[in-house]
PDB file of N, CA and C in Angstrom:
ATOM      1  N   MET A   1      40.353 -16.215  15.666  1.00  0.00           N
ATOM      2  CA  MET A   1      40.614 -17.161  14.741  1.00  0.00           C
ATOM      3  C   MET A   1      40.774 -16.741  13.198  1.00  0.00           C
ATOM      4  N   GLY A   2      41.709 -17.042  12.598  1.00  0.00           N
ATOM      5  CA  GLY A   2      41.428 -16.416  11.133  1.00  0.00           C
ATOM      6  C   GLY A   2      40.434 -17.185  10.357  1.00  0.00           C
ATOM      7  N   PRO A   3      40.481 -16.149   9.266  1.00  0.00           N
ATOM      8  CA  PRO A   3      39.819 -16.391   8.082  1.00  0.00           C
ATOM      9  C   PRO A   3      40.176 -18.262   7.566  1.00  0.00           C
ATOM     10  N   GLU A   4      41.576 -18.520   7.640  1.00  0.00           N
ATOM     11  CA  GLU A   4      41.501 -20.131   7.042  1.00  0.00           C
ATOM     12  C   GLU A   4      41.193 -21.059   8.119  1.00  0.00           C
ATOM     13  N   SER A   5      41.369 -20.752   9.422  1.00  0.00           N
ATOM     14  CA  SER A   5      40.796 -21.849  10.254  1.00  0.00           C
ATOM     15  C   SER A   5      39.520 -21.979  10.829  1.00  0.00           C
ATOM     16  N   ALA A   6      38.766 -20.577  10.771  1.00  0.00           N
ATOM     17  CA  ALA A   6      37.479 -20.704  10.793  1.00  0.00           C
ATOM     18  C   ALA A   6      36.489 -21.736   9.539  1.00  0.00           C
ATOM     19  N   ALA A   7      36.893 -21.502   8.483  1.00  0.00           N
ATOM     20  CA  ALA A   7      36.881 -22.489   7.165  1.00  0.00           C
ATOM     21  C   ALA A   7      36.812 -23.871   7.317  1.00  0.00           C
ATOM     22  N   HIS A   8      37.708 -24.220   8.162  1.00  0.00           N
ATOM     23  CA  HIS A   8      37.749 -25.733   8.882  1.00  0.00           C
ATOM     24  C   HIS A   8      37.523 -26.221   9.664  1.00  0.00           C
ATOM     25  N   ALA A   9      37.326 -25.168  10.818  1.00  0.00           N
ATOM     26  CA  ALA A   9      36.381 -25.354  12.338  1.00  0.00           C
ATOM     27  C   ALA A   9      35.612 -26.219  11.803  1.00  0.00           C
ATOM     28  N   PRO A  10      34.995 -27.422  13.011  1.00  0.00           N
ATOM     29  CA  PRO A  10      33.770 -28.290  12.791  1.00  0.00           C
ATOM     30  C   PRO A  10      32.667 -27.386  12.456  1.00  0.00           C
ATOM     31  N   ARG A  11      31.232 -27.494  11.699  1.00  0.00           N
ATOM     32  CA  ARG A  11      30.506 -27.250  12.296  1.00  0.00           C
ATOM     33  C   ARG A  11      29.499 -27.778  11.481  1.00  0.00           C
ATOM     34  N   ILE A  12      28.259 -27.470  11.910  1.00  0.00           N
ATOM     35  CA  ILE A  12      26.741 -28.409  11.744  1.00  0.00           C
ATOM     36  C   ILE A  12      26.157 -27.357  10.744  1.00  0.00           C
ATOM     37  N   ARG A  13      25.769 -27.729   9.459  1.00  0.00           N
ATOM     38  CA  ARG A  13      24.692 -27.297   8.613  1.00  0.00           C
ATOM     39  C   ARG A  13      23.342 -26.800   9.421  1.00  0.00           C
ATOM     40  N   LEU A  14      22.921 -25.839   9.125  1.00  0.00           N
ATOM     41  CA  LEU A  14      21.628 -25.590   9.673  1.00  0.00           C
ATOM     42  C   LEU A  14      20.597 -25.320   8.847  1.00  0.00           C
ATOM     43  N   CYS A  15      20.960 -24.306   7.598  1.00  0.00           N
ATOM     44  CA  CYS A  15      19.720 -23.902   6.349  1.00  0.00           C
ATOM     45  C   CYS A  15      20.684 -22.678   5.486  1.00  0.00           C
ATOM     46  N   LEU A  16      19.755 -22.814   4.206  1.00  0.00           N
ATOM     47  CA  LEU A  16      20.157 -21.786   3.538  1.00  0.00           C
ATOM     48  C   LEU A  16      19.708 -20.261   3.840  1.00  0.00           C
ATOM     49  N   LEU A  17      20.573 -19.493   3.778  1.00  0.00           N
ATOM     50  CA  LEU A  17      20.451 -18.214   4.106  1.00  0.00           C
ATOM     51  C   LEU A  17      19.325 -17.481   3.652  1.00  0.00           C
ATOM     52  N   ASP A  18      19.085 -18.100   1.966  1.00  0.00           N
ATOM     53  CA  ASP A  18      17.735 -18.108   1.635  1.00  0.00           C
ATOM     54  C   ASP A  18      16.473 -18.340   2.123  1.00  0.00           C
ATOM     55  N   GLU A  19      16.786 -19.246   2.896  1.00  0.00           N
ATOM     56  CA  GLU A  19      15.815 -19.646   3.456  1.00  0.00           C
ATOM     57  C   GLU A  19      15.018 -18.805   4.450  1.00  0.00           C
ATOM     58  N   LEU A  20      15.699 -18.236   4.708  1.00  0.00           N
ATOM     59  CA  LEU A  20      15.082 -17.086   5.974  1.00  0.00           C
ATOM     60  C   LEU A  20      14.776 -15.492   5.496  1.00  0.00           C
ATOM     61  N   GLU A  21      13.830 -15.444   5.712  1.00  0.00           N
ATOM     62  CA  GLU A  21      13.317 -13.890   5.373  1.00  0.00           C
ATOM     63  C   GLU A  21      13.766 -13.406   6.374  1.00  0.00           C
ATOM     64  N   ASP A  22      14.051 -11.702   5.921  1.00  0.00           N
ATOM     65  CA  ASP A  22      14.744 -10.696   6.322  1.00  0.00           C
ATOM     66  C   ASP A  22      13.414  -9.868   6.439  1.00  0.00           C
ATOM     67  N   PRO A  23      13.297  -9.409   7.802  1.00  0.00           N
ATOM     68  CA  PRO A  23      13.442 -10.169   9.404  1.00  0.00           C
ATOM     69  C   PRO A  23      12.954 -11.185   9.369  1.00  0.00           C
ATOM     70  N   GLY A  24      13.212 -12.604   9.766  1.00  0.00           N
ATOM     71  CA  GLY A  24      12.883 -13.433   9.935  1.00  0.00           C
ATOM     72  C   GLY A  24      13.567 -14.614  11.008  1.00  0.00           C
ATOM     73  N   THR A  25      12.957 -15.433  11.391  1.00  0.00           N
ATOM     74  CA  THR A  25      13.585 -16.305  12.398  1.00  0.00           C
ATOM     75  C   THR A  25      13.469 -17.957  12.002  1.00  0.00           C
ATOM     76  N   ARG A  26      14.170 -18.838  12.752  1.00  0.00           N
ATOM     77  CA  ARG A  26      14.024 -20.487  12.399  1.00  0.00           C
ATOM     78  C   ARG A  26      14.502 -21.096  13.788  1.00  0.00           C
ATOM     79  N   ALA A  27      13.957 -21.943  14.112  1.00  0.00           N
ATOM     80  CA  ALA A  27      14.533 -22.423  15.399  1.00  0.00           C
ATOM     81  C   ALA A  27      15.094 -24.061  15.022  1.00  0.00           C
ATOM     82  N   PHE A  28      16.222 -24.426  15.821  1.00  0.00           N
ATOM     83  CA  PHE A  28      16.716 -25.900  15.390  1.00  0.00           C
ATOM     84  C   PHE A  28      17.319 -26.667  16.765  1.00  0.00           C
ATOM     85  N   THR A  29      16.941 -27.754  16.453  1.00  0.00           N
ATOM     86  CA  THR A  29      17.492 -28.768  17.315  1.00  0.00           C
ATOM     87  C   THR A  29      18.360 -29.380  16.900  1.00  0.00           C
ATOM     88  N   VAL A  30      19.661 -29.219  17.613  1.00  0.00           N
ATOM     89  CA  VAL A  30      20.864 -29.988  17.094  1.00  0.00           C
ATOM     90  C   VAL A  30      21.123 -31.021  17.843  1.00  0.00           C
ATOM     91  N   PRO A  31      21.545 -32.555  17.306  1.00  0.00           N
ATOM     92  CA  PRO A  31      22.214 -33.094  18.563  1.00  0.00           C
ATOM     93  C   PRO A  31      23.527 -32.851  18.892  1.00  0.00           C
ATOM     94  N   VAL A  32      24.133 -32.825  20.138  1.00  0.00           N
ATOM     95  CA  VAL A  32      25.260 -32.509  20.586  1.00  0.00           C
ATOM     96  C   VAL A  32      25.589 -33.903  21.521  1.00  0.00           C
ATOM     97  N   ALA A  33      26.963 -34.017  22.234  1.00  0.00           N
ATOM     98  CA  ALA A  33      27.341 -34.810  22.930  1.00  0.00           C
ATOM     99  C   ALA A  33      26.516 -34.583  23.923  1.00  0.00           C
ATOM    100  N   GLY A  34      25.761 -35.749  24.707  1.00  0.00           N
ATOM    101  CA  GLY A  34      25.005 -35.869  25.923  1.00  0.00           C
ATOM    102  C   GLY A  34      23.489 -35.288  25.815  1.00  0.00           C
ATOM    103  N   GLY A  35      22.908 -34.989  24.569  1.00  0.00           N
ATOM    104  CA  GLY A  35      21.508 -34.282  24.502  1.00  0.00           C
ATOM    105  C   GLY A  35      21.461 -33.558  23.172  1.00  0.00           C
ATOM    106  N   VAL A  36      20.935 -32.727  23.516  1.00  0.00           N
ATOM    107  CA  VAL A  36      20.443 -31.883  22.006  1.00  0.00           C
ATOM    108  C   VAL A  36      20.510 -30.225  22.545  1.00  0.00           C
ATOM    109  N   LEU A  37      20.766 -29.540  21.735  1.00  0.00           N
ATOM    110  CA  LEU A  37      20.987 -27.952  21.626  1.00  0.00           C
ATOM    111  C   LEU A  37      19.512 -27.791  20.679  1.00  0.00           C
ATOM    112  N   GLU A  38      18.610 -26.737  21.640  1.00  0.00           N
ATOM    113  CA  GLU A  38      17.807 -25.718  21.183  1.00  0.00           C
ATOM    114  C   GLU A  38      18.454 -24.737  21.003  1.00  0.00           C
ATOM    115  N   LEU A  39      18.249 -24.069  19.711  1.00  0.00           N
ATOM    116  CA  LEU A  39      18.690 -22.910  19.264  1.00  0.00           C
ATOM    117  C   LEU A  39      17.369 -22.401  18.330  1.00  0.00           C
ATOM    118  N   PHE A  40      17.780 -20.696  17.824  1.00  0.00           N
ATOM    119  CA  PHE A  40      17.195 -20.137  16.936  1.00  0.00           C
ATOM    120  C   PHE A  40      18.467 -19.265  16.179  1.00  0.00           C
ATOM    121  N   VAL A  41      18.136 -19.162  14.772  1.00  0.00           N
ATOM    122  CA  VAL A  41      18.940 -18.241  14.080  1.00  0.00           C
ATOM    123  C   VAL A  41      17.477 -16.766  13.782  1.00  0.00           C
ATOM    124  N   VAL A  42      18.022 -15.652  13.751  1.00  0.00           N
ATOM    125  CA  VAL A  42      17.356 -14.269  13.604  1.00  0.00           C
ATOM    126  C   VAL A  42      18.148 -13.752  12.283  1.00  0.00           C
ATOM    127  N   HIS A  43      17.247 -13.599  11.158  1.00  0.00           N
ATOM    128  CA  HIS A  43      17.979 -12.865   9.830  1.00  0.00           C
ATOM    129  C   HIS A  43      17.446 -11.594  10.251  1.00  0.00           C
ATOM    130  N   LYS A  44      18.295 -10.297  10.464  1.00  0.00           N
ATOM    131  CA  LYS A  44      17.537  -9.067  10.435  1.00  0.00           C
ATOM    132  C   LYS A  44      18.427  -8.140   9.726  1.00  0.00           C
ATOM    133  N   ASP A  45      18.145  -7.398   9.107  1.00  0.00           N
ATOM    134  CA  ASP A  45      19.358  -6.176   8.428  1.00  0.00           C
ATOM    135  C   ASP A  45      20.131  -7.163   7.502  1.00  0.00           C
ATOM    136  N   ARG A  46      20.483  -7.827   6.861  1.00  0.00           N
ATOM    137  CA  ARG A  46      21.427  -8.919   6.348  1.00  0.00           C
ATOM    138  C   ARG A  46      22.124  -8.953   6.873  1.00  0.00           C
ATOM    139  N   ARG A  47      21.621  -9.601   8.247  1.00  0.00           N
ATOM    140  CA  ARG A  47      22.669 -10.163   9.152  1.00  0.00           C
ATOM    141  C   ARG A  47      22.040 -11.225   9.726  1.00  0.00           C
ATOM    142  N   VAL A  48      22.971 -12.374  10.590  1.00  0.00           N
ATOM    143  CA  VAL A  48      22.608 -13.366  11.002  1.00  0.00           C
ATOM    144  C   VAL A  48      22.756 -13.794  12.101  1.00  0.00           C
ATOM    145  N   HIS A  49      22.198 -13.696  13.306  1.00  0.00           N
ATOM    146  CA  HIS A  49      22.707 -14.228  14.532  1.00  0.00           C
ATOM    147  C   HIS A  49      22.004 -16.126  15.218  1.00  0.00           C
ATOM    148  N   GLY A  50      22.612 -15.981  16.379  1.00  0.00           N
ATOM    149  CA  GLY A  50      22.188 -17.475  16.659  1.00  0.00           C
ATOM    150  C   GLY A  50      22.317 -17.154  17.962  1.00  0.00           C
ATOM    151  N   TYR A  51      21.209 -17.971  19.241  1.00  0.00           N
ATOM    152  CA  TYR A  51      20.948 -17.572  20.442  1.00  0.00           C
ATOM    153  C   TYR A  51      20.589 -19.096  20.818  1.00  0.00           C
ATOM    154  N   LEU A  52      20.949 -19.611  22.455  1.00  0.00           N
ATOM    155  CA  LEU A  52      20.217 -20.998  22.259  1.00  0.00           C
ATOM    156  C   LEU A  52      18.588 -20.280  22.555  1.00  0.00           C
ATOM    157  N   ASN A  53      17.599 -21.020  22.420  1.00  0.00           N
ATOM    158  CA  ASN A  53      16.209 -21.161  22.490  1.00  0.00           C
ATOM    159  C   ASN A  53      16.199 -20.579  24.060  1.00  0.00           C
ATOM    160  N   ARG A  54      16.258 -20.123  25.065  1.00  0.00           N
ATOM    161  CA  ARG A  54      16.189 -20.207  26.443  1.00  0.00           C
ATOM    162  C   ARG A  54      15.922 -19.000  27.143  1.00  0.00           C
ATOM    163  N   CYS A  55      14.749 -18.228  27.578  1.00  0.00           N
ATOM    164  CA  CYS A  55      14.814 -17.081  28.305  1.00  0.00           C
ATOM    165  C   CYS A  55      15.547 -16.815  29.375  1.00  0.00           C
ATOM    166  N   PRO A  56      16.604 -15.482  29.335  1.00  0.00           N
ATOM    167  CA  PRO A  56      17.159 -15.589  30.778  1.00  0.00           C
ATOM    168  C   PRO A  56      16.399 -15.701  31.735  1.00  0.00           C
ATOM    169  N   HIS A  57      15.162 -15.237  32.063  1.00  0.00           N
ATOM    170  CA  HIS A  57      14.526 -15.178  32.983  1.00  0.00           C
ATOM    171  C   HIS A  57      13.971 -16.340  33.870  1.00  0.00           C
ATOM    172  N   LYS A  58      13.402 -17.530  32.884  1.00  0.00           N
ATOM    173  CA  LYS A  58      12.886 -18.423  33.773  1.00  0.00           C
ATOM    174  C   LYS A  58      13.357 -20.078  33.050  1.00  0.00           C
ATOM    175  N   GLY A  59      14.121 -19.742  31.896  1.00  0.00           N
ATOM    176  CA  GLY A  59      14.722 -20.812  31.162  1.00  0.00           C
ATOM    177  C   GLY A  59      13.923 -21.573  30.195  1.00  0.00           C
ATOM    178  N   VAL A  60      12.834 -20.835  29.863  1.00  0.00           N
ATOM    179  CA  VAL A  60      11.666 -21.687  28.725  1.00  0.00           C
ATOM    180  C   VAL A  60      11.825 -20.975  27.631  1.00  0.00           C
ATOM    181  N   PRO A  61      11.310 -21.968  26.811  1.00  0.00           N
ATOM    182  CA  PRO A  61      11.484 -21.500  25.051  1.00  0.00           C
ATOM    183  C   PRO A  61      11.172 -20.079  24.840  1.00  0.00           C
ATOM    184  N   LEU A  62      11.487 -19.296  24.040  1.00  0.00           N
ATOM    185  CA  LEU A  62      10.939 -18.334  23.761  1.00  0.00           C
ATOM    186  C   LEU A  62      10.334 -18.076  22.333  1.00  0.00           C
ATOM    187  N   ASN A  63       9.952 -18.825  21.950  1.00  0.00           N
ATOM    188  CA  ASN A  63       9.249 -18.955  20.970  1.00  0.00           C
ATOM    189  C   ASN A  63       7.960 -19.101  21.086  1.00  0.00           C
ATOM    190  N   TRP A  64       6.616 -18.388  20.517  1.00  0.00           N
ATOM    191  CA  TRP A  64       5.253 -18.068  20.790  1.00  0.00           C
ATOM    192  C   TRP A  64       4.517 -19.382  19.783  1.00  0.00           C
ATOM    193  N   GLN A  65       4.940 -19.803  18.722  1.00  0.00           N
ATOM    194  CA  GLN A  65       4.647 -20.579  17.329  1.00  0.00           C
ATOM    195  C   GLN A  65       6.057 -21.232  16.914  1.00  0.00           C
ATOM    196  N   PRO A  66       5.817 -22.202  16.263  1.00  0.00           N
ATOM    197  CA  PRO A  66       7.058 -22.531  15.497  1.00  0.00           C
ATOM    198  C   PRO A  66       7.652 -21.761  14.573  1.00  0.00           C
ATOM    199  N   ASP A  67       9.018 -21.352  14.579  1.00  0.00           N
ATOM    200  CA  ASP A  67       9.817 -20.669  14.184  1.00  0.00           C
ATOM    201  C   ASP A  67       9.717 -19.121  14.489  1.00  0.00           C
ATOM    202  N   GLU A  68       8.906 -18.595  15.217  1.00  0.00           N
ATOM    203  CA  GLU A  68       8.256 -17.733  15.692  1.00  0.00           C
ATOM    204  C   GLU A  68       8.983 -16.611  16.821  1.00  0.00           C
ATOM    205  N   PHE A  69      10.060 -15.924  16.571  1.00  0.00           N
ATOM    206  CA  PHE A  69      10.371 -15.137  18.163  1.00  0.00           C
ATOM    207  C   PHE A  69      10.260 -13.811  17.609  1.00  0.00           C
ATOM    208  N   LEU A  70       9.969 -13.231  16.381  1.00  0.00           N
ATOM    209  CA  LEU A  70      10.048 -11.724  16.379  1.00  0.00           C
ATOM    210  C   LEU A  70       8.392 -11.141  17.054  1.00  0.00           C
ATOM    211  N   ASP A  71       8.614  -9.576  17.179  1.00  0.00           N
ATOM    212  CA  ASP A  71       7.203  -9.085  17.550  1.00  0.00           C
ATOM    213  C   ASP A  71       6.957  -9.201  15.699  1.00  0.00           C
ATOM    214  N   PRO A  72       5.551  -8.932  16.129  1.00  0.00           N
ATOM    215  CA  PRO A  72       4.904  -8.401  14.533  1.00  0.00           C
ATOM    216  C   PRO A  72       5.542  -7.418  13.607  1.00  0.00           C
ATOM    217  N   ALA A  73       6.179  -6.435  14.150  1.00  0.00           N
ATOM    218  CA  ALA A  73       6.967  -5.457  13.262  1.00  0.00           C
ATOM    219  C   ALA A  73       8.515  -5.980  12.593  1.00  0.00           C
ATOM    220  N   GLY A  74       8.912  -7.272  13.683  1.00  0.00           N
ATOM    221  CA  GLY A  74      10.089  -7.726  13.164  1.00  0.00           C
ATOM    222  C   GLY A  74      11.162  -7.271  13.732  1.00  0.00           C
ATOM    223  N   GLU A  75      11.027  -6.085  14.704  1.00  0.00           N
ATOM    224  CA  GLU A  75      11.957  -5.626  15.313  1.00  0.00           C
ATOM    225  C   GLU A  75      12.745  -6.362  16.350  1.00  0.00           C
ATOM    226  N   THR A  76      12.394  -6.949  17.402  1.00  0.00           N
ATOM    227  CA  THR A  76      12.967  -7.362  18.616  1.00  0.00           C
ATOM    228  C   THR A  76      12.394  -8.853  18.596  1.00  0.00           C
ATOM    229  N   ILE A  77      12.900  -9.722  19.473  1.00  0.00           N
ATOM    230  CA  ILE A  77      12.843 -10.904  20.060  1.00  0.00           C
ATOM    231  C   ILE A  77      12.190 -10.401  20.920  1.00  0.00           C
ATOM    232  N   VAL A  78      10.795 -11.434  20.878  1.00  0.00           N
ATOM    233  CA  VAL A  78       9.872 -11.356  22.245  1.00  0.00           C
ATOM    234  C   VAL A  78       9.871 -12.814  23.064  1.00  0.00           C
ATOM    235  N   CYS A  79       9.973 -12.973  24.463  1.00  0.00           N
ATOM    236  CA  CYS A  79       9.931 -14.153  25.319  1.00  0.00           C
ATOM    237  C   CYS A  79       8.400 -14.469  24.785  1.00  0.00           C
ATOM    238  N   ALA A  80       7.517 -15.554  24.648  1.00  0.00           N
ATOM    239  CA  ALA A  80       6.039 -15.703  24.652  1.00  0.00           C
ATOM    240  C   ALA A  80       5.616 -15.683  26.040  1.00  0.00           C
ATOM    241  N   THR A  81       6.269 -16.491  27.026  1.00  0.00           N
ATOM    242  CA  THR A  81       5.858 -16.498  28.296  1.00  0.00           C
ATOM    243  C   THR A  81       5.994 -14.974  29.038  1.00  0.00           C
ATOM    244  N   HIS A  82       6.882 -14.166  29.092  1.00  0.00           N
ATOM    245  CA  HIS A  82       6.482 -13.303  30.178  1.00  0.00           C
ATOM    246  C   HIS A  82       6.846 -11.644  29.335  1.00  0.00           C
ATOM    247  N   GLY A  83       7.068 -11.799  27.628  1.00  0.00           N
ATOM    248  CA  GLY A  83       6.786 -10.715  27.395  1.00  0.00           C
ATOM    249  C   GLY A  83       8.542  -9.825  27.419  1.00  0.00           C
ATOM    250  N   ALA A  84       9.388 -10.373  27.394  1.00  0.00           N
ATOM    251  CA  ALA A  84      10.909 -10.059  27.537  1.00  0.00           C
ATOM    252  C   ALA A  84      11.151  -9.619  26.249  1.00  0.00           C
ATOM    253  N   ARG A  85      11.925  -8.459  25.888  1.00  0.00           N
ATOM    254  CA  ARG A  85      11.997  -8.160  24.593  1.00  0.00           C
ATOM    255  C   ARG A  85      13.788  -7.921  24.405  1.00  0.00           C
ATOM    256  N   PHE A  86      14.322  -8.455  23.731  1.00  0.00           N
ATOM    257  CA  PHE A  86      15.357  -8.568  22.978  1.00  0.00           C
ATOM    258  C   PHE A  86      15.720  -7.937  21.917  1.00  0.00           C
ATOM    259  N   ARG A  87      17.058  -7.503  21.284  1.00  0.00           N
ATOM    260  CA  ARG A  87      17.655  -6.830  20.479  1.00  0.00           C
ATOM    261  C   ARG A  87      18.337  -8.339  19.718  1.00  0.00           C
ATOM    262  N   PRO A  88      18.124  -8.290  18.320  1.00  0.00           N
ATOM    263  CA  PRO A  88      18.173  -9.411  17.472  1.00  0.00           C
ATOM    264  C   PRO A  88      19.532  -9.300  16.975  1.00  0.00           C
ATOM    265  N   GLY A  89      20.464  -8.421  17.131  1.00  0.00           N
ATOM    266  CA  GLY A  89      21.953  -8.027  16.655  1.00  0.00           C
ATOM    267  C   GLY A  89      22.897  -8.572  17.717  1.00  0.00           C
ATOM    268  N   ASP A  90      22.305  -8.539  19.351  1.00  0.00           N
ATOM    269  CA  ASP A  90      23.276  -8.820  20.225  1.00  0.00           C
ATOM    270  C   ASP A  90      22.692  -9.876  21.322  1.00  0.00           C
ATOM    271  N   GLY A  91      21.105  -9.837  21.329  1.00  0.00           N
ATOM    272  CA  GLY A  91      20.600 -10.682  22.550  1.00  0.00           C
ATOM    273  C   GLY A  91      20.366  -9.718  23.798  1.00  0.00           C
ATOM    274  N   ALA A  92      20.735  -8.735  23.646  1.00  0.00           N
ATOM    275  CA  ALA A  92      20.708  -7.568  24.967  1.00  0.00           C
ATOM    276  C   ALA A  92      18.939  -7.714  25.325  1.00  0.00           C
ATOM    277  N   CYS A  93      18.697  -7.554  26.363  1.00  0.00           N
ATOM    278  CA  CYS A  93      17.549  -7.553  27.021  1.00  0.00           C
ATOM    279  C   CYS A  93      16.858  -6.081  26.964  1.00  0.00           C
ATOM    280  N   LEU A  94      15.992  -5.653  26.066  1.00  0.00           N
ATOM    281  CA  LEU A  94      15.530  -4.340  26.367  1.00  0.00           C
ATOM    282  C   LEU A  94      14.407  -4.036  27.475  1.00  0.00           C
ATOM    283  N   GLY A  95      13.669  -5.207  27.948  1.00  0.00           N
ATOM    284  CA  GLY A  95      12.801  -4.443  28.660  1.00  0.00           C
ATOM    285  C   GLY A  95      12.344  -6.225  29.091  1.00  0.00           C
ATOM    286  N   GLY A  96      11.439  -6.107  30.520  1.00  0.00           N
ATOM    287  CA  GLY A  96      10.556  -7.243  30.748  1.00  0.00           C
ATOM    288  C   GLY A  96      11.445  -7.707  32.014  1.00  0.00           C
ATOM    289  N   PRO A  97      11.135  -9.175  32.429  1.00  0.00           N
ATOM    290  CA  PRO A  97      11.911  -9.664  33.505  1.00  0.00           C
ATOM    291  C   PRO A  97      13.349  -9.903  33.504  1.00  0.00           C
ATOM    292  N   CYS A  98      13.285  -9.475  32.529  1.00  0.00           N
ATOM    293  CA  CYS A  98      15.133 -10.366  32.476  1.00  0.00           C
ATOM    294  C   CYS A  98      16.031  -9.390  32.317  1.00  0.00           C
ATOM    295  N   ARG A  99      15.640  -8.282  32.969  1.00  0.00           N
ATOM    296  CA  ARG A  99      16.465  -6.788  32.581  1.00  0.00           C
ATOM    297  C   ARG A  99      17.863  -7.106  32.672  1.00  0.00           C
ATOM    298  N   GLY A 100      18.901  -6.514  31.864  1.00  0.00           N
ATOM    299  CA  GLY A 100      20.065  -7.247  32.747  1.00  0.00           C
ATOM    300  C   GLY A 100      20.969  -8.322  32.033  1.00  0.00           C
ATOM    301  N   ARG A 101      20.373  -9.070  31.569  1.00  0.00           N
ATOM    302  CA  ARG A 101      20.726 -10.746  30.997  1.00  0.00           C
ATOM    303  C   ARG A 101      20.607 -10.941  30.067  1.00  0.00           C
ATOM    304  N   PRO A 102      21.029 -10.904  28.768  1.00  0.00           N
ATOM    305  CA  PRO A 102      20.984 -11.011  27.477  1.00  0.00           C
ATOM    306  C   PRO A 102      20.898 -12.506  27.320  1.00  0.00           C
ATOM    307  N   LEU A 103      20.399 -12.772  26.030  1.00  0.00           N
ATOM    308  CA  LEU A 103      20.229 -14.057  25.286  1.00  0.00           C
ATOM    309  C   LEU A 103      21.578 -14.528  25.221  1.00  0.00           C
ATOM    310  N   GLU A 104      21.791 -16.080  25.593  1.00  0.00           N
ATOM    311  CA  GLU A 104      23.174 -16.715  25.363  1.00  0.00           C
ATOM    312  C   GLU A 104      23.266 -17.123  23.393  1.00  0.00           C
ATOM    313  N   PRO A 105      24.502 -16.221  23.110  1.00  0.00           N
ATOM    314  CA  PRO A 105      24.688 -16.497  21.749  1.00  0.00           C
ATOM    315  C   PRO A 105      25.367 -17.989  21.491  1.00  0.00           C
ATOM    316  N   VAL A 106      25.160 -18.305  20.467  1.00  0.00           N
ATOM    317  CA  VAL A 106      25.540 -19.335  19.706  1.00  0.00           C
ATOM    318  C   VAL A 106      26.406 -19.123  18.131  1.00  0.00           C
ATOM    319  N   ALA A 107      27.650 -19.642  18.227  1.00  0.00           N
ATOM    320  CA  ALA A 107      28.479 -19.044  17.066  1.00  0.00           C
ATOM    321  C   ALA A 107      27.911 -19.855  15.654  1.00  0.00           C
ATOM    322  N   LEU A 108      27.668 -18.568  14.397  1.00  0.00           N
ATOM    323  CA  LEU A 108      27.589 -19.059  13.499  1.00  0.00           C
ATOM    324  C   LEU A 108      28.369 -18.646  12.352  1.00  0.00           C
ATOM    325  N   GLN A 109      28.220 -19.505  11.272  1.00  0.00           N
ATOM    326  CA  GLN A 109      29.311 -19.005  10.115  1.00  0.00           C
ATOM    327  C   GLN A 109      28.551 -19.114   9.310  1.00  0.00           C
ATOM    328  N   VAL A 110      28.761 -18.030   8.163  1.00  0.00           N
ATOM    329  CA  VAL A 110      27.537 -18.249   6.744  1.00  0.00           C
ATOM    330  C   VAL A 110      28.771 -18.499   5.863  1.00  0.00           C
ATOM    331  N   ASP A 111      28.721 -19.185   4.947  1.00  0.00           N
ATOM    332  CA  ASP A 111      29.602 -19.641   3.910  1.00  0.00           C
ATOM    333  C   ASP A 111      29.197 -20.173   2.501  1.00  0.00           C
ATOM    334  N   GLU A 112      29.233 -19.271   1.606  1.00  0.00           N
ATOM    335  CA  GLU A 112      28.788 -19.687   0.542  1.00  0.00           C
ATOM    336  C   GLU A 112      26.969 -19.772   0.448  1.00  0.00           C
ATOM    337  N   GLY A 113      26.438 -18.739   1.167  1.00  0.00           N
ATOM    338  CA  GLY A 113      25.026 -18.792   1.239  1.00  0.00           C
ATOM    339  C   GLY A 113      24.500 -20.248   2.348  1.00  0.00           C
ATOM    340  N   VAL A 114      25.351 -20.865   2.981  1.00  0.00           N
ATOM    341  CA  VAL A 114      24.910 -21.959   3.468  1.00  0.00           C
ATOM    342  C   VAL A 114      25.122 -21.178   5.310  1.00  0.00           C
ATOM    343  N   VAL A 115      24.284 -21.328   6.356  1.00  0.00           N
ATOM    344  CA  VAL A 115      24.219 -20.664   7.757  1.00  0.00           C
ATOM    345  C   VAL A 115      24.521 -22.254   8.376  1.00  0.00           C
ATOM    346  N   TYR A 116      25.909 -22.043   9.411  1.00  0.00           N
ATOM    347  CA  TYR A 116      26.170 -23.037   9.827  1.00  0.00           C
ATOM    348  C   TYR A 116      26.338 -22.833  11.754  1.00  0.00           C
ATOM    349  N   LEU A 117      26.210 -23.971  12.450  1.00  0.00           N
ATOM    350  CA  LEU A 117      26.226 -23.592  13.821  1.00  0.00           C
ATOM    351  C   LEU A 117      27.795 -23.725  13.773  1.00  0.00           C
ATOM    352  N   ALA A 118      28.879 -23.320  14.441  1.00  0.00           N
ATOM    353  CA  ALA A 118      29.987 -23.825  14.779  1.00  0.00           C
ATOM    354  C   ALA A 118      30.536 -24.340  15.781  1.00  0.00           C
ATOM    355  N   THR A 119      31.116 -25.664  15.770  1.00  0.00           N
ATOM    356  CA  THR A 119      30.925 -26.515  16.991  1.00  0.00           C
ATOM    357  C   THR A 119      32.098 -26.484  17.680  1.00  0.00           C
ATOM    358  N   GLY A 120      33.348 -25.654  17.415  1.00  0.00           N
ATOM    359  CA  GLY A 120      34.886 -25.862  17.787  1.00  0.00           C
ATOM    360  C   GLY A 120      35.552 -24.899  17.249  1.00  0.00           C
ATOM    361  N   THR A 121      36.538 -25.168  17.839  1.00  0.00           N
ATOM    362  CA  THR A 121      37.459 -24.092  17.191  1.00  0.00           C
ATOM    363  C   THR A 121      39.004 -24.352  16.438  1.00  0.00           C
ATOM    364  N   GLY A 122      38.269 -25.769  15.920  1.00  0.00           N
ATOM    365  CA  GLY A 122      39.082 -26.451  14.516  1.00  0.00           C
ATOM    366  C   GLY A 122      40.256 -27.087  15.520  1.00  0.00           C
TER     367      GLY A 122
END
């Protein structure tokens, strides 16, 4: 999808980029057809990534406190249930019972300082 069509693709406003620390995370519950989408946004090294809030090992939410997904050093995403660790930039499992199974990404867009969930291809 080119930049022009990306600007017109359906999207849902999540937050202002300035509302996310770097490193930092924030969870969102987004209404979608047939239910809700539980996701979180990671802001690390001036980049933003989105993932479903679901551990690939057991399907449980990852966060150990509201909006808390990163280890204390802010280096990796950690599953609060089993201690699995994931790389923030691509969701790859770095260790734990999820070995070889990454987090499921969600498409985000950042436009004029606002973070959006992309909901379609336009």
